[in-house]
């Protein structure tokens, strides 16, 4: 059973999404929050698998709540999907940095929403490489064509791990990486998981951000 918590200040949206999720076999809604503070309290009380988190909410917004949840080691098993109107790109990027596993538009179809919850629950990042790169190109692009300085924190990665981080940052899945490097999918997954541990990355989404912010990939040039 996949447990889901909803955080949105609009009761109508919470009710609609709750009914959708609850009616899907293998899913259950364990709580509904109208603001970020309530979301944090409910996550600590119910330990849901996935949180659908709105950005703009009273008391505490979804970004602050995401940072608090993803920064709490005791809540490491809870994944967060940001719900956005795609008019708040810089906020989505901040949420990904904080540890959110991806983002969806509020106009997403029901089947796509359920598939997204399954994807995140299975441990994959809900990232459209095109959409994520557009965010990064817009908000991390270096000024005056100056490339960022490579991050020394990557120095403890092996050559193979650095190679795979570059591919993850380029938007490749474990299957794509395995095919390109002629290794098994399980080996690719093992390398990715090991990198997440070494880099203290909450999930694959943060590896994409790290690949750019470390200087391995330069926004606007890849």
N, C-alpha and C. Protein backbone atom coordinates (compact mmCIF):
# COMPACT_ATOMS: atom_id res chain seq x y z
N UNK A 1 0.84 -1.19 0.00
CA UNK A 1 0.00 0.00 0.00
C UNK A 1 0.88 1.26 0.00
N UNK A 2 0.65 2.14 -0.94
CA UNK A 2 1.39 3.41 -1.02
C UNK A 2 0.60 4.47 -0.28
N UNK A 3 1.22 5.07 0.73
CA UNK A 3 0.53 6.08 1.53
C UNK A 3 0.89 7.48 1.04
N UNK A 4 -0.13 8.33 0.96
CA UNK A 4 0.04 9.67 0.37
C UNK A 4 -0.52 10.72 1.32
N UNK A 5 0.20 11.85 1.42
CA UNK A 5 -0.28 12.99 2.19
C UNK A 5 -0.41 14.18 1.25
N UNK A 6 -1.48 14.95 1.39
CA UNK A 6 -1.75 16.10 0.53
C UNK A 6 -1.53 17.39 1.30
N UNK A 7 -0.84 18.34 0.69
CA UNK A 7 -0.63 19.65 1.32
C UNK A 7 -0.98 20.74 0.32
N UNK A 8 -2.12 21.37 0.54
CA UNK A 8 -2.60 22.43 -0.35
C UNK A 8 -3.59 23.27 0.43
N UNK A 9 -3.51 24.59 0.27
CA UNK A 9 -4.41 25.44 1.06
C UNK A 9 -5.81 25.53 0.49
N UNK A 10 -6.04 24.94 -0.69
CA UNK A 10 -7.37 24.96 -1.30
C UNK A 10 -8.09 23.64 -1.00
N UNK A 11 -9.14 23.74 -0.22
CA UNK A 11 -9.88 22.55 0.20
C UNK A 11 -10.44 21.78 -0.98
N UNK A 12 -10.86 22.49 -2.01
CA UNK A 12 -11.44 21.83 -3.18
C UNK A 12 -10.42 20.95 -3.88
N UNK A 13 -9.19 21.45 -4.00
CA UNK A 13 -8.13 20.66 -4.63
C UNK A 13 -7.78 19.46 -3.77
N UNK A 14 -7.70 19.67 -2.46
CA UNK A 14 -7.39 18.54 -1.57
C UNK A 14 -8.46 17.45 -1.70
N UNK A 15 -9.72 17.87 -1.72
CA UNK A 15 -10.80 16.90 -1.79
C UNK A 15 -10.76 16.12 -3.10
N UNK A 16 -10.53 16.82 -4.20
CA UNK A 16 -10.51 16.16 -5.51
C UNK A 16 -9.35 15.17 -5.62
N UNK A 17 -8.18 15.59 -5.18
CA UNK A 17 -7.01 14.71 -5.27
C UNK A 17 -7.14 13.54 -4.29
N UNK A 18 -7.70 13.81 -3.12
CA UNK A 18 -7.90 12.76 -2.14
C UNK A 18 -8.81 11.67 -2.67
N UNK A 19 -9.90 12.06 -3.32
CA UNK A 19 -10.82 11.09 -3.88
C UNK A 19 -10.16 10.28 -4.99
N UNK A 20 -9.38 10.98 -5.82
CA UNK A 20 -8.68 10.30 -6.91
C UNK A 20 -7.72 9.25 -6.39
N UNK A 21 -6.88 9.65 -5.43
CA UNK A 21 -5.88 8.74 -4.90
C UNK A 21 -6.52 7.59 -4.13
N UNK A 22 -7.51 7.91 -3.31
CA UNK A 22 -8.16 6.89 -2.48
C UNK A 22 -8.89 5.83 -3.30
N UNK A 23 -9.35 6.21 -4.48
CA UNK A 23 -10.09 5.27 -5.32
C UNK A 23 -9.17 4.39 -6.17
N UNK A 24 -7.87 4.65 -6.12
CA UNK A 24 -6.92 3.85 -6.88
C UNK A 24 -6.45 2.66 -6.04
N UNK A 25 -6.59 1.43 -6.54
CA UNK A 25 -6.16 0.26 -5.77
C UNK A 25 -4.69 0.37 -5.38
N UNK A 26 -4.39 0.05 -4.13
CA UNK A 26 -3.02 0.07 -3.65
C UNK A 26 -2.56 1.41 -3.11
N UNK A 27 -3.49 2.37 -3.04
CA UNK A 27 -3.15 3.70 -2.52
C UNK A 27 -4.08 4.09 -1.38
N UNK A 28 -3.57 4.88 -0.46
CA UNK A 28 -4.42 5.43 0.60
C UNK A 28 -3.90 6.80 1.01
N UNK A 29 -4.82 7.70 1.31
CA UNK A 29 -4.46 9.04 1.78
C UNK A 29 -4.45 9.02 3.31
N UNK A 30 -3.31 9.40 3.88
CA UNK A 30 -3.17 9.32 5.35
C UNK A 30 -3.32 10.68 6.03
N UNK A 31 -3.46 11.74 5.24
CA UNK A 31 -3.63 13.05 5.85
C UNK A 31 -3.73 14.16 4.84
N UNK A 32 -4.31 15.28 5.26
CA UNK A 32 -4.44 16.47 4.43
C UNK A 32 -4.02 17.68 5.26
N UNK A 33 -3.18 18.52 4.68
CA UNK A 33 -2.69 19.71 5.37
C UNK A 33 -3.03 20.95 4.57
N UNK A 34 -3.38 22.03 5.28
CA UNK A 34 -3.75 23.28 4.62
C UNK A 34 -2.60 24.28 4.61
N UNK A 35 -1.48 23.95 5.25
CA UNK A 35 -0.31 24.82 5.24
C UNK A 35 0.94 23.99 5.51
N UNK A 36 2.10 24.61 5.31
CA UNK A 36 3.35 23.88 5.44
C UNK A 36 3.64 23.36 6.83
N UNK A 37 3.32 24.14 7.85
CA UNK A 37 3.55 23.70 9.22
C UNK A 37 2.73 22.47 9.54
N UNK A 38 1.46 22.48 9.13
CA UNK A 38 0.60 21.32 9.36
C UNK A 38 1.13 20.12 8.59
N UNK A 39 1.67 20.35 7.39
CA UNK A 39 2.22 19.26 6.59
C UNK A 39 3.38 18.59 7.31
N UNK A 40 4.28 19.38 7.88
CA UNK A 40 5.41 18.82 8.62
C UNK A 40 4.92 17.98 9.79
N UNK A 41 3.98 18.50 10.56
CA UNK A 41 3.46 17.78 11.72
C UNK A 41 2.81 16.46 11.30
N UNK A 42 2.05 16.50 10.20
CA UNK A 42 1.37 15.28 9.74
C UNK A 42 2.36 14.26 9.18
N UNK A 43 3.41 14.74 8.51
CA UNK A 43 4.43 13.81 8.00
C UNK A 43 5.11 13.10 9.16
N UNK A 44 5.42 13.84 10.21
CA UNK A 44 6.05 13.22 11.38
C UNK A 44 5.13 12.23 12.07
N UNK A 45 3.82 12.51 12.03
CA UNK A 45 2.86 11.64 12.71
C UNK A 45 2.50 10.41 11.88
N UNK A 46 2.45 10.55 10.55
CA UNK A 46 1.94 9.46 9.71
C UNK A 46 3.02 8.78 8.86
N UNK A 47 4.18 9.42 8.68
CA UNK A 47 5.27 8.87 7.88
C UNK A 47 4.79 8.37 6.51
N UNK A 48 4.21 9.24 5.69
CA UNK A 48 3.71 8.82 4.38
C UNK A 48 4.85 8.48 3.42
N UNK A 49 4.53 7.70 2.42
CA UNK A 49 5.53 7.39 1.39
C UNK A 49 5.77 8.61 0.50
N UNK A 50 4.69 9.30 0.14
CA UNK A 50 4.78 10.42 -0.80
C UNK A 50 3.93 11.58 -0.32
N UNK A 51 4.47 12.80 -0.45
CA UNK A 51 3.72 14.02 -0.15
C UNK A 51 3.52 14.79 -1.45
N UNK A 52 2.29 15.20 -1.73
CA UNK A 52 2.01 16.11 -2.83
C UNK A 52 1.96 17.50 -2.22
N UNK A 53 2.96 18.34 -2.52
CA UNK A 53 3.17 19.60 -1.81
C UNK A 53 2.94 20.82 -2.71
N UNK A 54 1.97 21.63 -2.34
CA UNK A 54 1.77 22.91 -3.02
C UNK A 54 2.87 23.87 -2.59
N UNK A 55 3.14 24.89 -3.40
CA UNK A 55 4.18 25.86 -3.05
C UNK A 55 3.62 26.98 -2.19
N UNK A 56 2.59 27.65 -2.68
CA UNK A 56 2.08 28.82 -1.98
C UNK A 56 1.00 28.43 -0.98
N UNK A 57 1.35 28.51 0.30
CA UNK A 57 0.41 28.21 1.37
C UNK A 57 0.66 29.17 2.52
N UNK A 58 -0.33 29.40 3.37
CA UNK A 58 -0.15 30.31 4.52
C UNK A 58 0.65 29.65 5.64
N UNK A 59 0.98 30.44 6.65
CA UNK A 59 1.72 30.01 7.84
C UNK A 59 3.15 29.62 7.48
N UNK A 60 3.31 28.60 6.66
CA UNK A 60 4.61 28.19 6.15
C UNK A 60 4.40 27.67 4.73
N UNK A 61 5.20 28.14 3.77
CA UNK A 61 4.97 27.71 2.40
C UNK A 61 5.55 26.32 2.14
N UNK A 62 5.27 25.80 0.96
CA UNK A 62 5.70 24.45 0.62
C UNK A 62 7.19 24.29 0.50
N UNK A 63 7.90 25.35 0.18
CA UNK A 63 9.35 25.28 0.07
C UNK A 63 9.99 25.08 1.44
N UNK A 64 9.54 25.87 2.40
CA UNK A 64 10.06 25.73 3.77
C UNK A 64 9.72 24.35 4.33
N UNK A 65 8.52 23.89 4.04
CA UNK A 65 8.11 22.57 4.53
C UNK A 65 8.95 21.48 3.88
N UNK A 66 9.21 21.61 2.59
CA UNK A 66 10.04 20.63 1.88
C UNK A 66 11.44 20.58 2.46
N UNK A 67 12.02 21.75 2.72
CA UNK A 67 13.36 21.81 3.30
C UNK A 67 13.40 21.15 4.68
N UNK A 68 12.35 21.37 5.47
CA UNK A 68 12.31 20.80 6.81
C UNK A 68 12.17 19.28 6.77
N UNK A 69 11.31 18.80 5.89
CA UNK A 69 11.07 17.36 5.80
C UNK A 69 12.28 16.64 5.23
N UNK A 70 12.82 17.15 4.12
CA UNK A 70 13.97 16.50 3.49
C UNK A 70 15.23 16.63 4.31
N UNK A 71 15.28 17.62 5.19
CA UNK A 71 16.45 17.81 6.03
C UNK A 71 16.42 17.01 7.32
N UNK A 72 15.32 16.29 7.55
CA UNK A 72 15.16 15.48 8.76
C UNK A 72 15.48 14.03 8.44
N UNK A 73 16.58 13.53 8.98
CA UNK A 73 17.03 12.16 8.68
C UNK A 73 15.98 11.12 9.05
N UNK A 74 15.14 11.40 10.05
CA UNK A 74 14.12 10.45 10.46
C UNK A 74 12.99 10.34 9.44
N UNK A 75 12.93 11.31 8.51
CA UNK A 75 11.87 11.31 7.50
C UNK A 75 12.42 10.99 6.11
N UNK A 76 13.58 10.36 6.07
CA UNK A 76 14.27 10.11 4.81
C UNK A 76 13.47 9.25 3.83
N UNK A 77 12.57 8.43 4.34
CA UNK A 77 11.80 7.55 3.45
C UNK A 77 10.64 8.26 2.78
N UNK A 78 10.32 9.47 3.22
CA UNK A 78 9.21 10.22 2.63
C UNK A 78 9.70 11.02 1.43
N UNK A 79 9.03 10.86 0.29
CA UNK A 79 9.38 11.57 -0.93
C UNK A 79 8.37 12.69 -1.18
N UNK A 80 8.83 13.76 -1.81
CA UNK A 80 7.96 14.92 -2.04
C UNK A 80 7.87 15.25 -3.52
N UNK A 81 6.63 15.42 -3.98
CA UNK A 81 6.37 15.91 -5.33
C UNK A 81 5.79 17.31 -5.20
N UNK A 82 6.42 18.27 -5.86
CA UNK A 82 5.95 19.65 -5.81
C UNK A 82 4.85 19.85 -6.85
N UNK A 83 3.75 20.45 -6.44
CA UNK A 83 2.67 20.82 -7.35
C UNK A 83 2.83 22.29 -7.70
N UNK A 84 2.87 22.60 -8.98
CA UNK A 84 3.15 23.96 -9.40
C UNK A 84 2.32 24.36 -10.60
N UNK A 85 2.21 25.66 -10.81
CA UNK A 85 1.53 26.18 -12.00
C UNK A 85 2.55 26.42 -13.11
N UNK A 86 3.84 26.10 -12.85
CA UNK A 86 4.94 26.35 -13.76
C UNK A 86 5.14 27.84 -14.03
N UNK A 87 4.61 28.67 -13.15
CA UNK A 87 4.88 30.10 -13.22
C UNK A 87 5.87 30.49 -12.11
N UNK A 88 6.39 29.48 -11.42
CA UNK A 88 7.22 29.72 -10.25
C UNK A 88 8.51 28.92 -10.37
N UNK A 89 9.15 29.02 -11.55
CA UNK A 89 10.29 28.16 -11.84
C UNK A 89 11.39 28.21 -10.79
N UNK A 90 11.72 29.43 -10.32
CA UNK A 90 12.82 29.54 -9.36
C UNK A 90 12.49 28.85 -8.05
N UNK A 91 11.20 28.78 -7.70
CA UNK A 91 10.80 28.09 -6.49
C UNK A 91 10.91 26.58 -6.67
N UNK A 92 10.59 26.09 -7.86
CA UNK A 92 10.72 24.66 -8.13
C UNK A 92 12.18 24.24 -8.03
N UNK A 93 13.07 25.05 -8.58
CA UNK A 93 14.49 24.73 -8.51
C UNK A 93 14.96 24.69 -7.06
N UNK A 94 14.50 25.62 -6.26
CA UNK A 94 14.85 25.63 -4.83
C UNK A 94 14.34 24.36 -4.15
N UNK A 95 13.15 23.93 -4.52
CA UNK A 95 12.58 22.71 -3.92
C UNK A 95 13.39 21.48 -4.31
N UNK A 96 13.85 21.43 -5.57
CA UNK A 96 14.68 20.31 -6.00
C UNK A 96 16.00 20.30 -5.24
N UNK A 97 16.57 21.49 -5.05
CA UNK A 97 17.80 21.57 -4.27
C UNK A 97 17.57 21.04 -2.86
N UNK A 98 16.41 21.34 -2.30
CA UNK A 98 16.11 20.95 -0.92
C UNK A 98 15.89 19.46 -0.78
N UNK A 99 15.56 18.78 -1.88
CA UNK A 99 15.36 17.34 -1.80
C UNK A 99 14.07 16.82 -2.38
N UNK A 100 13.25 17.69 -2.97
CA UNK A 100 12.02 17.21 -3.62
C UNK A 100 12.38 16.27 -4.76
N UNK A 101 11.54 15.29 -4.99
CA UNK A 101 11.84 14.27 -6.00
C UNK A 101 11.35 14.63 -7.39
N UNK A 102 10.72 15.79 -7.53
CA UNK A 102 10.25 16.20 -8.84
C UNK A 102 9.09 17.17 -8.73
N UNK A 103 8.48 17.46 -9.85
CA UNK A 103 7.39 18.43 -9.84
C UNK A 103 6.37 18.10 -10.90
N UNK A 104 5.14 18.54 -10.66
CA UNK A 104 4.02 18.33 -11.58
C UNK A 104 3.22 19.61 -11.70
N UNK A 105 2.64 19.84 -12.85
CA UNK A 105 1.72 20.95 -13.01
C UNK A 105 0.38 20.58 -12.40
N UNK A 106 -0.33 21.58 -11.91
CA UNK A 106 -1.63 21.31 -11.29
C UNK A 106 -2.68 20.84 -12.30
N UNK A 107 -2.38 21.01 -13.57
CA UNK A 107 -3.30 20.55 -14.60
C UNK A 107 -3.02 19.14 -15.07
N UNK A 108 -2.13 18.43 -14.38
CA UNK A 108 -1.75 17.07 -14.76
C UNK A 108 -2.96 16.13 -14.76
N UNK A 109 -3.06 15.29 -15.78
CA UNK A 109 -4.15 14.31 -15.86
C UNK A 109 -4.02 13.27 -14.75
N UNK A 110 -5.16 12.67 -14.41
CA UNK A 110 -5.22 11.72 -13.29
C UNK A 110 -4.24 10.57 -13.47
N UNK A 111 -4.20 9.97 -14.66
CA UNK A 111 -3.32 8.83 -14.88
C UNK A 111 -1.85 9.22 -14.70
N UNK A 112 -1.50 10.42 -15.16
CA UNK A 112 -0.12 10.89 -15.04
C UNK A 112 0.24 11.14 -13.58
N UNK A 113 -0.72 11.64 -12.82
CA UNK A 113 -0.48 11.89 -11.39
C UNK A 113 -0.21 10.58 -10.66
N UNK A 114 -1.03 9.57 -10.91
CA UNK A 114 -0.84 8.30 -10.23
C UNK A 114 0.48 7.64 -10.65
N UNK A 115 0.81 7.77 -11.94
CA UNK A 115 2.09 7.22 -12.41
C UNK A 115 3.26 7.94 -11.75
N UNK A 116 3.12 9.25 -11.54
CA UNK A 116 4.17 10.02 -10.89
C UNK A 116 4.38 9.57 -9.45
N UNK A 117 3.29 9.33 -8.74
CA UNK A 117 3.40 8.87 -7.36
C UNK A 117 4.10 7.52 -7.31
N UNK A 118 3.76 6.63 -8.23
CA UNK A 118 4.41 5.32 -8.29
C UNK A 118 5.90 5.46 -8.58
N UNK A 119 6.23 6.34 -9.52
CA UNK A 119 7.63 6.54 -9.91
C UNK A 119 8.47 6.98 -8.72
N UNK A 120 7.98 7.97 -7.99
CA UNK A 120 8.71 8.49 -6.84
C UNK A 120 8.77 7.45 -5.73
N UNK A 121 7.67 6.74 -5.51
CA UNK A 121 7.65 5.71 -4.48
C UNK A 121 8.67 4.62 -4.78
N UNK A 122 8.90 4.33 -6.06
CA UNK A 122 9.85 3.29 -6.45
C UNK A 122 11.30 3.76 -6.36
N UNK A 123 11.50 5.03 -5.99
CA UNK A 123 12.85 5.53 -5.78
C UNK A 123 13.45 6.31 -6.94
N UNK A 124 12.66 6.55 -7.98
CA UNK A 124 13.15 7.32 -9.11
C UNK A 124 12.74 8.78 -8.98
N UNK A 125 13.50 9.66 -9.62
CA UNK A 125 13.15 11.08 -9.60
C UNK A 125 12.14 11.36 -10.70
N UNK A 126 11.19 12.19 -10.38
CA UNK A 126 10.18 12.58 -11.36
C UNK A 126 10.68 13.81 -12.09
N UNK A 127 11.62 13.59 -13.01
CA UNK A 127 12.24 14.71 -13.70
C UNK A 127 12.07 14.57 -15.20
N UNK A 128 11.54 15.58 -15.80
CA UNK A 128 11.59 15.69 -17.25
C UNK A 128 12.91 16.39 -17.56
N UNK A 129 13.86 15.70 -18.20
CA UNK A 129 15.15 16.34 -18.47
C UNK A 129 15.01 17.69 -19.17
N UNK A 130 14.07 17.77 -20.10
CA UNK A 130 13.88 19.03 -20.83
C UNK A 130 13.42 20.14 -19.90
N UNK A 131 12.42 19.84 -19.05
CA UNK A 131 11.89 20.86 -18.14
C UNK A 131 12.92 21.24 -17.09
N UNK A 132 13.64 20.24 -16.57
CA UNK A 132 14.64 20.51 -15.54
C UNK A 132 15.79 21.33 -16.10
N UNK A 133 16.23 20.98 -17.29
CA UNK A 133 17.32 21.73 -17.91
C UNK A 133 16.90 23.17 -18.19
N UNK A 134 15.65 23.36 -18.56
CA UNK A 134 15.15 24.73 -18.80
C UNK A 134 15.23 25.54 -17.52
N UNK A 135 14.86 24.92 -16.39
CA UNK A 135 14.96 25.60 -15.11
C UNK A 135 16.40 25.97 -14.79
N UNK A 136 17.29 25.01 -14.97
CA UNK A 136 18.69 25.22 -14.63
C UNK A 136 19.32 26.25 -15.56
N UNK A 137 19.02 26.16 -16.84
CA UNK A 137 19.56 27.13 -17.79
C UNK A 137 19.12 28.55 -17.44
N UNK A 138 17.89 28.67 -16.95
CA UNK A 138 17.35 29.99 -16.66
C UNK A 138 17.90 30.56 -15.36
N UNK A 139 18.05 29.72 -14.35
CA UNK A 139 18.38 30.25 -13.02
C UNK A 139 19.79 29.96 -12.54
N UNK A 140 20.53 29.10 -13.27
CA UNK A 140 21.91 28.84 -12.88
C UNK A 140 22.91 29.25 -13.95
N UNK A 141 22.44 29.85 -15.01
CA UNK A 141 23.34 30.22 -16.11
C UNK A 141 24.44 31.15 -15.60
N UNK A 142 25.71 30.86 -15.91
CA UNK A 142 26.81 31.69 -15.42
C UNK A 142 26.81 33.05 -16.10
N UNK A 143 27.20 34.09 -15.36
CA UNK A 143 27.26 35.43 -15.91
C UNK A 143 28.52 35.60 -16.76
N UNK A 144 28.41 36.40 -17.81
CA UNK A 144 29.55 36.75 -18.66
C UNK A 144 30.27 35.52 -19.21
N UNK A 145 29.50 34.47 -19.47
CA UNK A 145 30.05 33.24 -20.07
C UNK A 145 31.13 32.59 -19.23
N UNK A 146 31.15 32.86 -17.93
CA UNK A 146 32.15 32.25 -17.06
C UNK A 146 31.64 30.93 -16.52
N UNK A 147 32.43 29.88 -16.72
CA UNK A 147 32.02 28.56 -16.23
C UNK A 147 32.22 28.49 -14.73
N UNK A 148 31.33 27.78 -14.00
CA UNK A 148 31.50 27.65 -12.57
C UNK A 148 32.74 26.83 -12.23
N UNK A 149 33.31 27.09 -11.07
CA UNK A 149 34.48 26.35 -10.63
C UNK A 149 34.05 24.98 -10.13
N UNK A 150 34.68 23.88 -10.60
CA UNK A 150 34.32 22.55 -10.13
C UNK A 150 34.36 22.42 -8.62
N UNK A 151 33.41 21.71 -8.07
CA UNK A 151 33.25 21.58 -6.63
C UNK A 151 34.22 20.52 -6.09
N UNK A 152 35.01 20.90 -5.10
CA UNK A 152 35.99 19.97 -4.51
C UNK A 152 35.31 18.80 -3.83
N UNK A 153 34.02 18.94 -3.49
CA UNK A 153 33.32 17.85 -2.81
C UNK A 153 33.17 16.62 -3.70
N UNK A 154 33.40 16.78 -5.00
CA UNK A 154 33.31 15.63 -5.91
C UNK A 154 34.63 14.87 -6.01
N UNK A 155 35.66 15.36 -5.34
CA UNK A 155 36.99 14.76 -5.48
C UNK A 155 37.04 13.32 -4.95
N UNK A 156 36.12 12.97 -4.05
CA UNK A 156 36.14 11.62 -3.49
C UNK A 156 35.30 10.63 -4.29
N UNK A 157 34.76 11.09 -5.42
CA UNK A 157 34.07 10.17 -6.32
C UNK A 157 35.09 9.46 -7.19
N UNK A 158 34.80 8.22 -7.54
CA UNK A 158 35.68 7.50 -8.46
C UNK A 158 35.47 8.04 -9.87
N UNK A 159 36.38 7.70 -10.77
CA UNK A 159 36.24 8.15 -12.16
C UNK A 159 34.93 7.65 -12.76
N UNK A 160 34.56 6.42 -12.44
CA UNK A 160 33.32 5.85 -12.97
C UNK A 160 32.12 6.59 -12.41
N UNK A 161 32.17 6.92 -11.12
CA UNK A 161 31.06 7.65 -10.51
C UNK A 161 30.91 9.05 -11.11
N UNK A 162 32.02 9.70 -11.39
CA UNK A 162 31.96 11.02 -12.01
C UNK A 162 31.37 10.91 -13.42
N UNK A 163 31.74 9.86 -14.11
CA UNK A 163 31.21 9.64 -15.45
C UNK A 163 29.70 9.43 -15.40
N UNK A 164 29.25 8.66 -14.43
CA UNK A 164 27.81 8.38 -14.31
C UNK A 164 27.06 9.61 -13.81
N UNK A 165 27.68 10.40 -12.93
CA UNK A 165 27.04 11.64 -12.48
C UNK A 165 26.79 12.57 -13.67
N UNK A 166 27.74 12.63 -14.58
CA UNK A 166 27.59 13.45 -15.77
C UNK A 166 26.40 12.98 -16.60
N UNK A 167 26.23 11.68 -16.71
CA UNK A 167 25.12 11.11 -17.48
C UNK A 167 23.79 11.33 -16.77
N UNK A 168 23.78 11.19 -15.44
CA UNK A 168 22.57 11.47 -14.67
C UNK A 168 22.16 12.93 -14.87
N UNK A 169 23.15 13.81 -14.79
CA UNK A 169 22.87 15.23 -14.97
C UNK A 169 22.36 15.56 -16.35
N UNK A 170 22.71 14.73 -17.31
CA UNK A 170 22.25 14.94 -18.69
C UNK A 170 20.85 14.39 -18.91
N UNK A 171 20.30 13.75 -17.88
CA UNK A 171 18.92 13.28 -17.96
C UNK A 171 18.76 11.81 -18.31
N UNK A 172 19.85 11.03 -18.30
CA UNK A 172 19.74 9.62 -18.66
C UNK A 172 19.22 8.79 -17.49
N UNK A 173 18.42 7.79 -17.81
CA UNK A 173 17.91 6.85 -16.81
C UNK A 173 18.98 5.80 -16.55
N UNK A 174 18.76 4.96 -15.54
CA UNK A 174 19.71 3.87 -15.26
C UNK A 174 19.85 2.95 -16.47
N UNK A 175 18.74 2.70 -17.16
CA UNK A 175 18.77 1.85 -18.35
C UNK A 175 19.60 2.47 -19.46
N UNK A 176 19.43 3.77 -19.64
CA UNK A 176 20.20 4.48 -20.67
C UNK A 176 21.69 4.46 -20.33
N UNK A 177 21.99 4.68 -19.06
CA UNK A 177 23.39 4.69 -18.61
C UNK A 177 24.01 3.31 -18.82
N UNK A 178 23.27 2.27 -18.45
CA UNK A 178 23.77 0.90 -18.60
C UNK A 178 24.08 0.60 -20.06
N UNK A 179 23.19 1.00 -20.96
CA UNK A 179 23.40 0.75 -22.38
C UNK A 179 24.61 1.51 -22.91
N UNK A 180 24.77 2.75 -22.50
CA UNK A 180 25.87 3.58 -23.00
C UNK A 180 27.22 3.10 -22.50
N UNK A 181 27.27 2.64 -21.24
CA UNK A 181 28.54 2.22 -20.65
C UNK A 181 28.77 0.71 -20.74
N UNK A 182 27.80 0.01 -21.30
CA UNK A 182 27.86 -1.45 -21.43
C UNK A 182 28.06 -2.11 -20.07
N UNK A 183 27.19 -1.76 -19.15
CA UNK A 183 27.15 -2.38 -17.83
C UNK A 183 25.71 -2.79 -17.56
N UNK A 184 25.48 -3.52 -16.49
CA UNK A 184 24.12 -3.93 -16.16
C UNK A 184 23.35 -2.76 -15.55
N UNK A 185 22.03 -2.83 -15.63
CA UNK A 185 21.20 -1.79 -15.02
C UNK A 185 21.42 -1.77 -13.51
N UNK A 186 21.58 -2.96 -12.91
CA UNK A 186 21.80 -3.03 -11.47
C UNK A 186 23.12 -2.36 -11.09
N UNK A 187 24.15 -2.53 -11.91
CA UNK A 187 25.44 -1.88 -11.63
C UNK A 187 25.30 -0.38 -11.72
N UNK A 188 24.56 0.09 -12.73
CA UNK A 188 24.33 1.54 -12.86
C UNK A 188 23.59 2.07 -11.64
N UNK A 189 22.58 1.33 -11.22
CA UNK A 189 21.80 1.74 -10.04
C UNK A 189 22.66 1.77 -8.79
N UNK A 190 23.54 0.79 -8.65
CA UNK A 190 24.44 0.73 -7.49
C UNK A 190 25.34 1.95 -7.45
N UNK A 191 25.90 2.32 -8.60
CA UNK A 191 26.75 3.51 -8.67
C UNK A 191 25.97 4.76 -8.30
N UNK A 192 24.75 4.88 -8.80
CA UNK A 192 23.92 6.06 -8.51
C UNK A 192 23.61 6.13 -7.01
N UNK A 193 23.24 5.01 -6.42
CA UNK A 193 22.94 4.99 -4.99
C UNK A 193 24.17 5.33 -4.15
N UNK A 194 25.33 4.83 -4.58
CA UNK A 194 26.56 5.11 -3.86
C UNK A 194 26.90 6.60 -3.92
N UNK A 195 26.66 7.19 -5.08
CA UNK A 195 26.91 8.64 -5.22
C UNK A 195 25.97 9.44 -4.34
N UNK A 196 24.73 9.03 -4.25
CA UNK A 196 23.78 9.75 -3.40
C UNK A 196 24.24 9.73 -1.95
N UNK A 197 24.79 8.61 -1.53
CA UNK A 197 25.31 8.51 -0.16
C UNK A 197 26.52 9.42 0.03
N UNK A 198 27.46 9.36 -0.90
CA UNK A 198 28.68 10.17 -0.79
C UNK A 198 28.39 11.67 -0.82
N UNK A 199 27.40 12.07 -1.63
CA UNK A 199 27.11 13.48 -1.83
C UNK A 199 25.96 13.97 -0.96
N UNK A 200 25.45 13.07 -0.08
CA UNK A 200 24.34 13.41 0.79
C UNK A 200 23.15 13.92 -0.02
N UNK A 201 22.92 13.30 -1.16
CA UNK A 201 21.80 13.67 -2.02
C UNK A 201 20.57 12.87 -1.62
N UNK A 202 19.44 13.57 -1.48
CA UNK A 202 18.21 12.91 -1.06
C UNK A 202 17.73 11.92 -2.11
N UNK A 203 17.90 12.27 -3.37
CA UNK A 203 17.52 11.36 -4.45
C UNK A 203 18.16 11.80 -5.76
N UNK A 204 17.75 11.19 -6.84
CA UNK A 204 18.34 11.43 -8.15
C UNK A 204 18.19 12.88 -8.60
N UNK A 205 17.09 13.50 -8.21
CA UNK A 205 16.87 14.89 -8.60
C UNK A 205 17.99 15.78 -8.11
N UNK A 206 18.46 15.55 -6.89
CA UNK A 206 19.54 16.37 -6.36
C UNK A 206 20.86 16.11 -7.08
N UNK A 207 21.04 14.88 -7.59
CA UNK A 207 22.25 14.60 -8.36
C UNK A 207 22.29 15.45 -9.63
N UNK A 208 21.13 15.66 -10.24
CA UNK A 208 21.08 16.50 -11.43
C UNK A 208 21.52 17.93 -11.09
N UNK A 209 21.00 18.46 -9.99
CA UNK A 209 21.38 19.80 -9.55
C UNK A 209 22.88 19.86 -9.25
N UNK A 210 23.40 18.85 -8.55
CA UNK A 210 24.82 18.81 -8.19
C UNK A 210 25.69 18.78 -9.44
N UNK A 211 25.27 18.03 -10.45
CA UNK A 211 26.06 17.93 -11.68
C UNK A 211 26.27 19.30 -12.32
N UNK A 212 25.25 20.16 -12.21
CA UNK A 212 25.37 21.51 -12.75
C UNK A 212 26.11 22.44 -11.80
N UNK A 213 25.71 22.43 -10.54
CA UNK A 213 26.30 23.39 -9.60
C UNK A 213 27.77 23.08 -9.30
N UNK A 214 28.20 21.85 -9.55
CA UNK A 214 29.60 21.49 -9.33
C UNK A 214 30.49 21.94 -10.48
N UNK A 215 29.88 22.27 -11.62
CA UNK A 215 30.66 22.67 -12.79
C UNK A 215 30.86 21.54 -13.78
N UNK A 216 30.38 20.33 -13.48
CA UNK A 216 30.52 19.23 -14.45
C UNK A 216 29.73 19.51 -15.71
N UNK A 217 28.55 20.08 -15.54
CA UNK A 217 27.73 20.53 -16.66
C UNK A 217 27.55 22.03 -16.52
N UNK A 218 27.61 22.74 -17.62
CA UNK A 218 27.45 24.19 -17.58
C UNK A 218 26.12 24.56 -18.18
N UNK A 219 25.25 25.23 -17.42
CA UNK A 219 23.94 25.62 -17.93
C UNK A 219 24.05 26.40 -19.24
N UNK A 220 23.19 26.02 -20.18
CA UNK A 220 23.15 26.72 -21.46
C UNK A 220 24.14 26.19 -22.48
N UNK A 221 24.99 25.23 -22.05
CA UNK A 221 26.02 24.74 -22.98
C UNK A 221 25.94 23.24 -23.20
N UNK A 222 24.95 22.58 -22.60
CA UNK A 222 24.86 21.10 -22.75
C UNK A 222 23.46 20.74 -23.18
